[in-house]
N, C-alpha and C. Protein backbone atom coordinates (compact mmCIF):
# COMPACT_ATOMS: atom_id res chain seq x y z
N MET A 1 -70.45 -187.08 81.23
CA MET A 1 -70.71 -188.46 80.91
C MET A 1 -72.19 -188.70 80.79
N GLY A 2 -72.63 -189.14 79.52
CA GLY A 2 -73.96 -189.45 79.23
C GLY A 2 -74.18 -190.92 78.99
N LYS A 3 -75.37 -191.29 79.08
CA LYS A 3 -75.67 -192.70 78.77
C LYS A 3 -76.40 -192.92 77.56
N LYS A 4 -76.16 -194.00 76.87
CA LYS A 4 -76.87 -194.37 75.71
C LYS A 4 -77.30 -195.88 75.78
N ALA A 5 -78.20 -196.26 74.84
CA ALA A 5 -78.64 -197.63 75.12
C ALA A 5 -77.58 -198.55 74.72
N GLY A 6 -77.12 -199.38 75.66
CA GLY A 6 -76.35 -200.45 75.55
C GLY A 6 -74.93 -200.14 76.13
N SER A 7 -74.31 -199.02 75.95
CA SER A 7 -72.86 -198.73 76.45
C SER A 7 -72.85 -197.28 76.76
N PRO A 8 -71.73 -196.95 77.61
CA PRO A 8 -71.64 -195.53 77.91
C PRO A 8 -71.09 -194.62 76.71
N LEU A 9 -71.47 -193.48 76.64
CA LEU A 9 -71.02 -192.56 75.65
C LEU A 9 -70.51 -191.24 76.25
N GLU A 10 -69.36 -190.93 75.86
CA GLU A 10 -68.68 -189.60 76.38
C GLU A 10 -69.41 -188.32 75.68
N LEU A 11 -69.96 -187.48 76.40
CA LEU A 11 -70.50 -186.31 75.97
C LEU A 11 -69.82 -185.04 76.26
N SER A 12 -69.77 -184.14 75.39
CA SER A 12 -69.03 -182.96 75.67
C SER A 12 -69.69 -182.10 76.83
N ASP A 13 -68.76 -181.68 77.83
CA ASP A 13 -69.19 -181.01 78.91
C ASP A 13 -69.73 -179.63 78.52
N GLN A 14 -69.14 -179.10 77.48
CA GLN A 14 -69.57 -177.74 76.99
C GLN A 14 -71.01 -177.65 76.65
N SER A 15 -71.46 -178.79 75.93
CA SER A 15 -72.78 -178.79 75.33
C SER A 15 -73.81 -179.61 76.32
N PHE A 16 -73.31 -180.43 77.18
CA PHE A 16 -74.28 -181.37 77.88
C PHE A 16 -74.03 -181.26 79.52
N ALA A 17 -73.29 -180.41 79.96
CA ALA A 17 -73.01 -180.17 81.29
C ALA A 17 -72.98 -178.64 81.71
N ALA A 18 -73.78 -177.88 80.99
CA ALA A 18 -73.98 -176.45 81.24
C ALA A 18 -74.91 -176.33 82.43
N ARG A 19 -74.65 -175.11 83.11
CA ARG A 19 -75.59 -174.80 84.20
C ARG A 19 -77.02 -174.32 83.61
N PHE A 20 -78.09 -174.82 84.49
CA PHE A 20 -79.36 -174.35 83.87
C PHE A 20 -79.64 -172.92 84.14
N ASN A 21 -79.93 -172.24 83.01
CA ASN A 21 -80.26 -170.81 83.15
C ASN A 21 -81.70 -170.57 82.62
N GLU A 22 -82.49 -170.62 83.74
CA GLU A 22 -84.02 -170.56 83.50
C GLU A 22 -84.42 -169.28 82.77
N PRO A 23 -83.92 -168.15 83.21
CA PRO A 23 -84.33 -166.87 82.50
C PRO A 23 -83.93 -166.90 80.99
N LEU A 24 -82.77 -167.39 80.64
CA LEU A 24 -82.35 -167.46 79.34
C LEU A 24 -83.06 -168.40 78.53
N VAL A 25 -83.51 -169.60 78.99
CA VAL A 25 -84.27 -170.57 78.36
C VAL A 25 -85.57 -170.09 78.13
N HIS A 26 -86.27 -169.29 79.07
CA HIS A 26 -87.45 -168.57 78.88
C HIS A 26 -87.43 -167.65 77.82
N GLN A 27 -86.38 -166.89 77.79
CA GLN A 27 -86.33 -165.87 76.72
C GLN A 27 -86.12 -166.40 75.30
N ILE A 28 -85.37 -167.46 75.08
CA ILE A 28 -85.33 -167.99 73.79
C ILE A 28 -86.43 -168.72 73.31
N VAL A 29 -87.19 -169.35 74.27
CA VAL A 29 -88.45 -170.14 73.95
C VAL A 29 -89.51 -168.96 73.61
N VAL A 30 -89.72 -168.00 74.34
CA VAL A 30 -90.61 -166.87 74.05
C VAL A 30 -90.32 -166.17 72.72
N ALA A 31 -89.02 -165.96 72.42
CA ALA A 31 -88.51 -165.39 71.22
C ALA A 31 -88.93 -166.29 69.98
N PHE A 32 -88.64 -167.52 70.09
CA PHE A 32 -88.95 -168.47 69.01
C PHE A 32 -90.49 -168.50 68.69
N GLN A 33 -91.33 -168.45 69.80
CA GLN A 33 -92.77 -168.53 69.66
C GLN A 33 -93.20 -167.16 68.97
N ALA A 34 -92.66 -166.00 69.41
CA ALA A 34 -92.94 -164.79 68.98
C ALA A 34 -92.62 -164.72 67.53
N GLY A 35 -91.47 -165.26 67.01
CA GLY A 35 -90.98 -165.34 65.68
C GLY A 35 -91.91 -165.93 64.73
N ALA A 36 -92.81 -166.96 65.37
CA ALA A 36 -93.66 -167.69 64.55
C ALA A 36 -94.96 -167.18 64.31
N ARG A 37 -95.32 -165.98 64.94
CA ARG A 37 -96.57 -165.24 64.81
C ARG A 37 -96.60 -164.51 63.42
N ALA A 38 -97.69 -164.62 62.74
CA ALA A 38 -97.93 -164.15 61.43
C ALA A 38 -97.91 -162.65 61.41
N GLY A 39 -98.68 -162.08 62.36
CA GLY A 39 -98.80 -160.56 62.46
C GLY A 39 -99.39 -159.98 61.18
N THR A 40 -100.35 -160.63 60.60
CA THR A 40 -101.02 -160.11 59.42
C THR A 40 -102.38 -159.62 59.61
N ARG A 41 -102.84 -159.34 60.91
CA ARG A 41 -104.01 -158.65 61.09
C ARG A 41 -103.99 -157.29 60.68
N ALA A 42 -105.03 -156.88 59.95
CA ALA A 42 -105.00 -155.40 59.53
C ALA A 42 -106.41 -154.93 59.55
N GLN A 43 -106.67 -153.63 59.85
CA GLN A 43 -108.01 -153.04 59.76
C GLN A 43 -107.80 -151.65 59.00
N LYS A 44 -108.75 -151.04 58.62
CA LYS A 44 -108.73 -149.80 57.83
C LYS A 44 -109.10 -148.58 58.61
N ASN A 45 -108.38 -147.60 58.43
CA ASN A 45 -108.56 -146.27 59.07
C ASN A 45 -109.52 -145.46 58.11
N ARG A 46 -109.82 -144.37 58.48
CA ARG A 46 -110.87 -143.54 57.72
C ARG A 46 -110.42 -143.25 56.18
N SER A 47 -109.05 -143.07 56.10
CA SER A 47 -108.56 -142.76 54.78
C SER A 47 -108.50 -143.99 53.88
N ALA A 48 -108.56 -145.27 54.52
CA ALA A 48 -108.38 -146.57 53.74
C ALA A 48 -109.64 -146.96 53.30
N VAL A 49 -110.80 -146.59 54.03
CA VAL A 49 -112.17 -147.10 53.66
C VAL A 49 -112.68 -146.51 52.35
N ARG A 50 -113.27 -147.32 51.44
CA ARG A 50 -113.74 -146.87 50.32
C ARG A 50 -114.97 -145.87 50.46
N GLY A 51 -114.90 -144.85 49.57
CA GLY A 51 -116.07 -143.90 49.62
C GLY A 51 -115.74 -142.65 50.50
N GLY A 52 -116.77 -141.98 50.81
CA GLY A 52 -116.68 -140.89 51.63
C GLY A 52 -116.03 -139.57 51.11
N GLY A 53 -116.03 -139.54 49.70
CA GLY A 53 -115.37 -138.33 49.10
C GLY A 53 -116.23 -136.96 49.15
N ALA A 54 -117.43 -137.05 49.09
CA ALA A 54 -118.35 -135.95 49.19
C ALA A 54 -118.85 -135.79 50.46
N LYS A 55 -119.12 -134.47 50.80
CA LYS A 55 -119.72 -134.04 52.14
C LYS A 55 -121.16 -134.65 52.14
N PRO A 56 -121.61 -135.27 53.06
CA PRO A 56 -122.95 -135.98 53.16
C PRO A 56 -124.17 -135.04 52.82
N TRP A 57 -124.01 -133.88 53.62
CA TRP A 57 -125.09 -132.81 53.37
C TRP A 57 -124.37 -131.46 53.63
N ARG A 58 -125.13 -130.50 53.34
CA ARG A 58 -124.61 -129.14 53.49
C ARG A 58 -124.29 -128.69 55.05
N GLN A 59 -123.47 -127.91 55.26
CA GLN A 59 -122.91 -127.61 56.56
C GLN A 59 -123.99 -127.06 57.51
N LYS A 60 -124.92 -126.21 56.99
CA LYS A 60 -125.94 -125.56 57.89
C LYS A 60 -127.27 -125.80 57.27
N GLY A 61 -128.28 -125.76 58.15
CA GLY A 61 -129.63 -125.68 57.80
C GLY A 61 -130.31 -126.96 57.72
N THR A 62 -129.75 -128.15 57.92
CA THR A 62 -130.51 -129.35 57.81
C THR A 62 -130.92 -129.92 59.22
N GLY A 63 -130.39 -129.31 60.31
CA GLY A 63 -130.76 -129.89 61.58
C GLY A 63 -129.99 -131.01 62.07
N ASN A 64 -129.06 -131.53 61.09
CA ASN A 64 -128.15 -132.63 61.51
C ASN A 64 -126.83 -132.07 61.99
N ALA A 65 -126.10 -133.03 62.67
CA ALA A 65 -124.89 -132.58 63.05
C ALA A 65 -123.93 -132.38 61.93
N ARG A 66 -122.91 -131.57 62.13
CA ARG A 66 -122.00 -131.15 61.07
C ARG A 66 -121.21 -132.56 60.58
N ALA A 67 -121.06 -132.77 59.39
CA ALA A 67 -120.30 -133.96 58.79
C ALA A 67 -119.68 -133.81 57.55
N GLY A 68 -118.36 -134.15 57.55
CA GLY A 68 -117.52 -133.89 56.40
C GLY A 68 -117.39 -135.18 55.56
N THR A 69 -117.67 -136.40 56.16
CA THR A 69 -117.55 -137.59 55.40
C THR A 69 -118.43 -138.65 55.97
N ASN A 70 -118.92 -139.55 55.23
CA ASN A 70 -119.65 -140.63 55.81
C ASN A 70 -118.76 -141.86 56.13
N ARG A 71 -117.40 -141.70 56.15
CA ARG A 71 -116.57 -142.77 56.53
C ARG A 71 -115.78 -142.29 57.86
N SER A 72 -116.47 -141.39 58.61
CA SER A 72 -115.83 -141.19 59.90
C SER A 72 -116.03 -142.29 60.83
N PRO A 73 -115.20 -142.53 61.68
CA PRO A 73 -115.29 -143.69 62.60
C PRO A 73 -116.53 -143.68 63.43
N ILE A 74 -117.21 -142.69 63.65
CA ILE A 74 -118.54 -142.71 64.35
C ILE A 74 -119.68 -143.04 63.51
N TRP A 75 -119.47 -143.34 62.22
CA TRP A 75 -120.43 -143.59 61.24
C TRP A 75 -120.44 -145.19 61.08
N ARG A 76 -121.56 -145.69 60.83
CA ARG A 76 -121.54 -147.04 60.31
C ARG A 76 -120.82 -147.30 59.04
N GLY A 77 -119.94 -148.16 58.98
CA GLY A 77 -119.29 -148.43 57.75
C GLY A 77 -117.96 -147.59 57.62
N GLY A 78 -117.68 -146.75 58.68
CA GLY A 78 -116.62 -145.81 58.71
C GLY A 78 -115.30 -146.67 59.09
N GLY A 79 -114.17 -145.90 59.07
CA GLY A 79 -112.93 -146.55 59.48
C GLY A 79 -112.72 -146.66 60.98
N LYS A 80 -111.72 -147.46 61.29
CA LYS A 80 -111.30 -147.68 62.75
C LYS A 80 -110.58 -146.49 63.22
N VAL A 81 -110.79 -146.16 64.48
CA VAL A 81 -110.02 -144.89 65.11
C VAL A 81 -108.55 -145.39 65.22
N PHE A 82 -108.31 -146.53 65.83
CA PHE A 82 -106.86 -146.88 66.10
C PHE A 82 -106.83 -148.39 65.43
N PRO A 83 -106.76 -148.49 64.08
CA PRO A 83 -106.84 -149.80 63.52
C PRO A 83 -105.50 -150.55 63.82
N ALA A 84 -105.72 -151.90 63.80
CA ALA A 84 -104.58 -152.78 63.86
C ALA A 84 -103.83 -152.85 62.65
N GLN A 85 -102.55 -152.89 62.63
CA GLN A 85 -101.73 -152.85 61.43
C GLN A 85 -100.79 -154.08 61.35
N ASN A 86 -100.26 -154.42 60.20
CA ASN A 86 -99.46 -155.35 60.08
C ASN A 86 -98.19 -155.09 60.95
N ARG A 87 -97.71 -156.24 61.63
CA ARG A 87 -96.49 -155.99 62.52
C ARG A 87 -95.66 -157.24 62.58
N ASP A 88 -94.32 -157.03 62.94
CA ASP A 88 -93.34 -158.05 63.04
C ASP A 88 -93.27 -158.27 64.58
N PHE A 89 -93.41 -159.54 65.03
CA PHE A 89 -93.40 -159.85 66.41
C PHE A 89 -91.93 -160.41 66.84
N LYS A 90 -91.11 -160.42 65.88
CA LYS A 90 -89.74 -161.17 66.12
C LYS A 90 -89.02 -160.26 67.23
N GLN A 91 -88.48 -161.14 67.99
CA GLN A 91 -87.54 -160.62 69.27
C GLN A 91 -86.15 -161.03 68.81
N LYS A 92 -85.19 -160.02 69.08
CA LYS A 92 -83.76 -160.24 68.68
C LYS A 92 -83.07 -161.05 69.79
N VAL A 93 -82.52 -162.09 69.51
CA VAL A 93 -81.70 -162.92 70.42
C VAL A 93 -80.35 -163.24 69.79
N ASN A 94 -79.31 -162.71 70.57
CA ASN A 94 -77.93 -162.94 70.01
C ASN A 94 -77.60 -164.44 69.80
N ARG A 95 -76.76 -164.62 68.68
CA ARG A 95 -76.41 -165.98 68.47
C ARG A 95 -75.73 -166.75 69.73
N LYS A 96 -74.89 -166.02 70.48
CA LYS A 96 -74.26 -166.43 71.47
C LYS A 96 -75.17 -166.98 72.58
N ALA A 97 -76.17 -166.03 72.82
CA ALA A 97 -77.11 -166.37 73.82
C ALA A 97 -77.98 -167.42 73.41
N TYR A 98 -78.42 -167.57 72.26
CA TYR A 98 -79.18 -168.60 71.79
C TYR A 98 -78.48 -170.02 72.01
N ARG A 99 -77.26 -170.07 71.58
CA ARG A 99 -76.56 -171.24 71.75
C ARG A 99 -76.34 -171.66 73.27
N ALA A 100 -76.14 -170.69 74.09
CA ALA A 100 -76.06 -170.94 75.52
C ALA A 100 -77.40 -171.42 75.99
N GLY A 101 -78.54 -170.94 75.57
CA GLY A 101 -79.85 -171.37 76.05
C GLY A 101 -80.03 -172.90 75.65
N VAL A 102 -79.74 -173.28 74.47
CA VAL A 102 -79.79 -174.57 73.85
C VAL A 102 -78.97 -175.52 74.58
N ARG A 103 -77.72 -175.17 74.86
CA ARG A 103 -76.83 -175.91 75.79
C ARG A 103 -77.57 -176.11 77.12
N SER A 104 -78.12 -175.08 77.70
CA SER A 104 -78.83 -175.20 79.00
C SER A 104 -79.77 -176.25 78.89
N ILE A 105 -80.55 -176.15 77.84
CA ILE A 105 -81.78 -177.17 77.72
C ILE A 105 -81.27 -178.60 77.69
N LEU A 106 -80.23 -178.80 76.79
CA LEU A 106 -79.69 -180.20 76.55
C LEU A 106 -79.15 -180.72 77.92
N SER A 107 -78.44 -179.87 78.62
CA SER A 107 -77.77 -180.26 79.88
C SER A 107 -78.89 -180.68 80.91
N GLU A 108 -80.08 -179.85 80.99
CA GLU A 108 -80.99 -180.18 81.98
C GLU A 108 -81.80 -181.55 81.56
N LEU A 109 -81.99 -181.70 80.23
CA LEU A 109 -82.49 -183.04 79.72
C LEU A 109 -81.75 -184.17 80.31
N LEU A 110 -80.44 -184.02 80.19
CA LEU A 110 -79.49 -185.14 80.56
C LEU A 110 -79.66 -185.37 82.12
N ARG A 111 -79.63 -184.20 82.81
CA ARG A 111 -79.65 -184.34 84.31
C ARG A 111 -81.04 -184.92 84.72
N GLN A 112 -82.02 -184.58 83.96
CA GLN A 112 -83.35 -185.26 84.46
C GLN A 112 -83.70 -186.61 83.72
N ASP A 113 -82.68 -187.24 83.29
CA ASP A 113 -82.76 -188.62 82.50
C ASP A 113 -83.90 -188.51 81.51
N ARG A 114 -84.05 -187.40 80.87
CA ARG A 114 -85.04 -187.32 79.76
C ARG A 114 -84.39 -187.43 78.34
N LEU A 115 -83.07 -187.53 78.31
CA LEU A 115 -82.34 -187.65 77.10
C LEU A 115 -81.86 -189.16 76.84
N VAL A 116 -82.34 -189.67 75.80
CA VAL A 116 -81.84 -191.00 75.46
C VAL A 116 -81.03 -190.91 74.05
N VAL A 117 -79.82 -191.47 74.14
CA VAL A 117 -79.00 -191.50 72.95
C VAL A 117 -78.98 -192.93 72.34
N VAL A 118 -79.21 -193.13 71.19
CA VAL A 118 -79.08 -194.37 70.59
C VAL A 118 -78.17 -194.41 69.34
N ASP A 119 -77.74 -195.51 68.87
CA ASP A 119 -76.91 -195.55 67.68
C ASP A 119 -77.65 -195.09 66.43
N ALA A 120 -78.84 -195.46 66.32
CA ALA A 120 -79.73 -195.06 65.13
C ALA A 120 -81.04 -195.56 65.35
N ILE A 121 -82.02 -194.88 64.71
CA ILE A 121 -83.35 -195.45 64.59
C ILE A 121 -83.68 -195.59 63.15
N LYS A 122 -83.65 -196.78 62.70
CA LYS A 122 -84.00 -197.07 61.31
C LYS A 122 -85.34 -197.87 60.99
N ILE A 123 -86.04 -197.34 60.14
CA ILE A 123 -87.41 -198.10 59.85
C ILE A 123 -87.31 -198.28 58.24
N ASP A 124 -87.45 -199.57 57.93
CA ASP A 124 -87.31 -199.95 56.55
C ASP A 124 -88.27 -199.32 55.50
N LYS A 125 -89.54 -199.24 56.09
CA LYS A 125 -90.50 -198.52 55.27
C LYS A 125 -91.47 -197.87 56.24
N PRO A 126 -92.15 -196.90 55.62
CA PRO A 126 -93.14 -196.11 56.63
C PRO A 126 -94.07 -196.96 57.24
N LYS A 127 -93.96 -197.28 58.50
CA LYS A 127 -94.82 -198.20 59.34
C LYS A 127 -94.82 -197.80 60.67
N THR A 128 -96.06 -197.17 61.15
CA THR A 128 -96.21 -196.67 62.37
C THR A 128 -95.96 -197.63 63.49
N LYS A 129 -96.47 -198.90 63.23
CA LYS A 129 -96.43 -200.01 64.23
C LYS A 129 -94.78 -200.32 64.53
N ALA A 130 -94.12 -200.36 63.58
CA ALA A 130 -92.69 -200.67 63.79
C ALA A 130 -91.98 -199.54 64.65
N LEU A 131 -92.36 -198.35 64.38
CA LEU A 131 -91.73 -197.26 65.27
C LEU A 131 -92.38 -197.23 66.70
N VAL A 132 -93.55 -197.66 66.85
CA VAL A 132 -94.15 -197.75 68.13
C VAL A 132 -93.36 -198.90 68.92
N GLU A 133 -93.16 -199.89 68.24
CA GLU A 133 -92.27 -201.00 69.03
C GLU A 133 -90.98 -200.57 69.47
N LYS A 134 -90.29 -199.88 68.59
CA LYS A 134 -88.98 -199.28 68.95
C LYS A 134 -89.06 -198.28 70.25
N LEU A 135 -90.11 -197.43 70.12
CA LEU A 135 -90.35 -196.42 71.22
C LEU A 135 -90.63 -197.17 72.48
N ILE A 136 -91.41 -198.19 72.49
CA ILE A 136 -91.78 -198.92 73.70
C ILE A 136 -90.54 -199.62 74.36
N ALA A 137 -89.80 -200.05 73.41
CA ALA A 137 -88.50 -200.76 73.86
C ALA A 137 -87.61 -199.84 74.52
N LEU A 138 -87.55 -198.52 74.20
CA LEU A 138 -86.78 -197.52 74.73
C LEU A 138 -87.43 -196.76 75.83
N ASP A 139 -88.73 -197.27 76.33
CA ASP A 139 -89.39 -196.74 77.32
C ASP A 139 -89.72 -195.19 77.07
N ALA A 140 -90.02 -194.93 75.84
CA ALA A 140 -90.36 -193.43 75.49
C ALA A 140 -91.45 -193.42 74.49
N PRO A 141 -92.71 -193.74 74.93
CA PRO A 141 -93.80 -193.89 73.87
C PRO A 141 -94.10 -192.38 73.40
N ASN A 142 -93.79 -191.42 74.24
CA ASN A 142 -94.11 -190.00 73.75
C ASN A 142 -92.80 -189.38 73.78
N ALA A 143 -92.29 -188.97 72.64
CA ALA A 143 -90.80 -188.51 72.48
C ALA A 143 -90.60 -187.71 71.34
N LEU A 144 -89.60 -186.81 71.43
CA LEU A 144 -88.96 -186.21 70.21
C LEU A 144 -87.89 -186.99 69.77
N ILE A 145 -87.82 -187.19 68.54
CA ILE A 145 -86.65 -187.95 67.87
C ILE A 145 -85.93 -186.93 67.07
N VAL A 146 -84.59 -186.79 67.40
CA VAL A 146 -83.68 -185.97 66.82
C VAL A 146 -82.68 -186.72 66.00
N THR A 147 -82.54 -186.56 64.66
CA THR A 147 -81.57 -187.16 63.86
C THR A 147 -80.61 -186.14 63.23
N ASP A 148 -79.49 -186.50 62.68
CA ASP A 148 -78.46 -185.67 62.26
C ASP A 148 -79.00 -185.03 60.96
N ASP A 149 -79.69 -185.94 60.00
CA ASP A 149 -80.33 -185.44 58.79
C ASP A 149 -81.80 -185.83 58.85
N PHE A 150 -82.69 -185.17 58.03
CA PHE A 150 -84.00 -185.46 58.08
C PHE A 150 -84.28 -186.82 57.34
N ASP A 151 -84.99 -187.71 58.10
CA ASP A 151 -85.24 -189.06 57.73
C ASP A 151 -86.85 -189.10 57.36
N LEU A 152 -87.09 -189.05 55.99
CA LEU A 152 -88.50 -189.11 55.58
C LEU A 152 -89.27 -190.25 56.03
N THR A 153 -88.69 -191.36 55.86
CA THR A 153 -89.33 -192.75 56.39
C THR A 153 -89.67 -192.66 57.87
N LEU A 154 -88.73 -192.16 58.57
CA LEU A 154 -89.04 -192.00 60.04
C LEU A 154 -90.16 -190.96 60.32
N ALA A 155 -90.15 -189.84 59.65
CA ALA A 155 -91.22 -188.89 59.74
C ALA A 155 -92.72 -189.31 59.41
N LEU A 156 -92.58 -190.17 58.31
CA LEU A 156 -93.95 -190.72 57.75
C LEU A 156 -94.47 -191.63 58.77
N SER A 157 -93.54 -192.39 59.47
CA SER A 157 -93.94 -193.41 60.46
C SER A 157 -94.44 -192.83 61.69
N ALA A 158 -94.00 -191.52 61.99
CA ALA A 158 -94.34 -190.79 63.24
C ALA A 158 -95.59 -189.91 63.05
N ARG A 159 -96.01 -189.61 61.91
CA ARG A 159 -96.95 -188.48 61.69
C ARG A 159 -98.38 -188.95 62.30
N ASN A 160 -98.63 -190.18 62.48
CA ASN A 160 -100.00 -190.44 62.99
C ASN A 160 -99.95 -190.59 64.57
N LEU A 161 -98.80 -190.49 65.04
CA LEU A 161 -98.56 -190.56 66.59
C LEU A 161 -98.66 -189.14 67.18
N PRO A 162 -99.63 -188.79 67.89
CA PRO A 162 -99.76 -187.47 68.46
C PRO A 162 -98.74 -187.01 69.36
N GLY A 163 -98.07 -188.01 70.11
CA GLY A 163 -96.99 -187.55 71.06
C GLY A 163 -95.59 -187.77 70.53
N VAL A 164 -95.43 -187.98 69.30
CA VAL A 164 -94.12 -188.20 68.76
C VAL A 164 -93.87 -187.28 67.59
N HIS A 165 -92.67 -186.69 67.59
CA HIS A 165 -92.22 -185.79 66.58
C HIS A 165 -90.81 -186.04 66.08
N VAL A 166 -90.60 -185.94 64.92
CA VAL A 166 -89.24 -186.17 64.34
C VAL A 166 -88.74 -184.90 63.74
N VAL A 167 -87.50 -184.59 64.05
CA VAL A 167 -86.71 -183.35 63.54
C VAL A 167 -85.29 -183.64 63.43
N ASP A 168 -84.68 -182.86 62.49
CA ASP A 168 -83.24 -182.98 62.43
C ASP A 168 -82.53 -181.94 63.27
N VAL A 169 -81.22 -181.98 63.39
CA VAL A 169 -80.64 -181.15 64.33
C VAL A 169 -80.81 -179.57 64.08
N ILE A 170 -80.84 -179.27 62.81
CA ILE A 170 -80.96 -177.97 62.30
C ILE A 170 -82.38 -177.39 62.69
N ASN A 171 -83.40 -178.21 62.76
CA ASN A 171 -84.79 -177.82 63.08
C ASN A 171 -85.22 -178.13 64.44
N ALA A 172 -84.17 -178.45 65.31
CA ALA A 172 -84.46 -178.82 66.75
C ALA A 172 -84.44 -177.54 67.57
N ASN A 173 -85.54 -176.94 67.58
CA ASN A 173 -85.79 -175.56 68.24
C ASN A 173 -85.98 -175.63 69.74
N PRO A 174 -85.78 -174.64 70.37
CA PRO A 174 -85.98 -174.67 71.95
C PRO A 174 -87.39 -175.02 72.22
N VAL A 175 -88.45 -174.77 71.50
CA VAL A 175 -89.88 -175.04 71.84
C VAL A 175 -90.05 -176.55 71.77
N VAL A 176 -89.51 -177.23 70.79
CA VAL A 176 -89.74 -178.75 70.67
C VAL A 176 -88.85 -179.47 71.73
N LEU A 177 -87.68 -178.94 72.06
CA LEU A 177 -86.82 -179.60 72.88
C LEU A 177 -87.35 -179.67 74.23
N VAL A 178 -88.01 -178.52 74.74
CA VAL A 178 -88.66 -178.59 76.14
C VAL A 178 -90.18 -179.13 76.11
N GLY A 179 -90.66 -179.42 74.96
CA GLY A 179 -92.06 -179.80 74.96
C GLY A 179 -92.31 -181.25 75.14
N PHE A 180 -91.33 -182.09 75.17
CA PHE A 180 -91.69 -183.61 75.15
C PHE A 180 -90.98 -184.10 76.52
N ASP A 181 -91.66 -185.29 76.91
CA ASP A 181 -91.19 -186.08 78.11
C ASP A 181 -89.83 -186.63 77.95
N LYS A 182 -89.57 -187.26 76.71
CA LYS A 182 -88.20 -187.68 76.41
C LYS A 182 -87.71 -187.18 75.16
N VAL A 183 -86.42 -187.01 74.91
CA VAL A 183 -85.82 -186.73 73.70
C VAL A 183 -84.88 -187.81 73.31
N ILE A 184 -85.21 -188.46 72.10
CA ILE A 184 -84.33 -189.58 71.76
C ILE A 184 -83.45 -188.92 70.68
N MET A 185 -82.15 -189.21 70.75
CA MET A 185 -81.14 -188.44 69.92
C MET A 185 -80.16 -189.55 69.39
N THR A 186 -79.91 -189.46 68.04
CA THR A 186 -78.92 -190.50 67.50
C THR A 186 -77.60 -190.02 67.92
N VAL A 187 -76.52 -190.91 67.88
CA VAL A 187 -75.15 -190.53 68.21
C VAL A 187 -74.63 -189.45 67.11
N ASP A 188 -74.96 -189.58 65.91
CA ASP A 188 -74.63 -188.62 64.85
C ASP A 188 -75.27 -187.32 65.14
N ALA A 189 -76.41 -187.32 65.73
CA ALA A 189 -77.11 -185.98 66.14
C ALA A 189 -76.41 -185.34 67.28
N VAL A 190 -75.87 -186.15 68.24
CA VAL A 190 -75.22 -185.60 69.28
C VAL A 190 -73.89 -184.99 68.83
N LYS A 191 -73.23 -185.61 68.08
CA LYS A 191 -71.96 -185.10 67.54
C LYS A 191 -72.16 -183.81 66.78
N LYS A 192 -73.32 -183.82 66.07
CA LYS A 192 -73.54 -182.58 65.11
C LYS A 192 -73.97 -181.34 66.10
N PHE A 193 -74.70 -181.76 67.27
CA PHE A 193 -75.01 -180.70 68.26
C PHE A 193 -73.69 -180.11 68.90
N GLU A 194 -72.85 -180.95 69.14
CA GLU A 194 -71.54 -180.53 69.72
C GLU A 194 -70.84 -179.61 68.79
N GLU A 195 -70.87 -179.89 67.57
CA GLU A 195 -70.21 -179.02 66.59
C GLU A 195 -70.92 -177.70 66.45
N VAL A 196 -72.22 -177.74 66.34
CA VAL A 196 -73.05 -176.47 66.15
C VAL A 196 -72.92 -175.72 67.46
N LEU A 197 -72.84 -176.15 68.58
CA LEU A 197 -72.95 -175.38 69.76
C LEU A 197 -71.51 -174.96 70.40
N LYS A 198 -70.54 -175.16 69.58
CA LYS A 198 -69.12 -174.80 70.04
C LYS A 198 -68.99 -173.32 70.29
């Protein structure tokens, strides 16, 4: 049983009354953050550095140490010994585990009274002041707003508010769900969550 502004709302126990599984929530949050890493740092080894084709000087008789290339790692301008290479930081999370983690997050938000369900949040035109007034009325000046479909007008109204973010259900990832004091969710978004998390 959840609460929405104005009247009671029946929420699915499967999606909003799950046991809080902290290790699983931690796993899916870290996995999502790891997947966002670019992993594009790259350095060159001795074979990738330009030049160094000829032996700098003859093997014997110069008094210098023996050298086969001026692109050796111990030379200035040479390659790296253990260069960083492009890599993929993604961590595999099973779909079943991911959904269980999101259910755990939503259930904990409800238990902590951080989840606010409203019929709808409508802004006639992109206006930050109008959105601020609605958020103050809901006692949630810093909040994540989740809608069933992406609302451009709402997103434009919220983009100048540092503590407010607007997403649709498809893009409501674990990181944003745990990162705000309050989560404001429309009734349609709740129904869509319940369908997705079956």
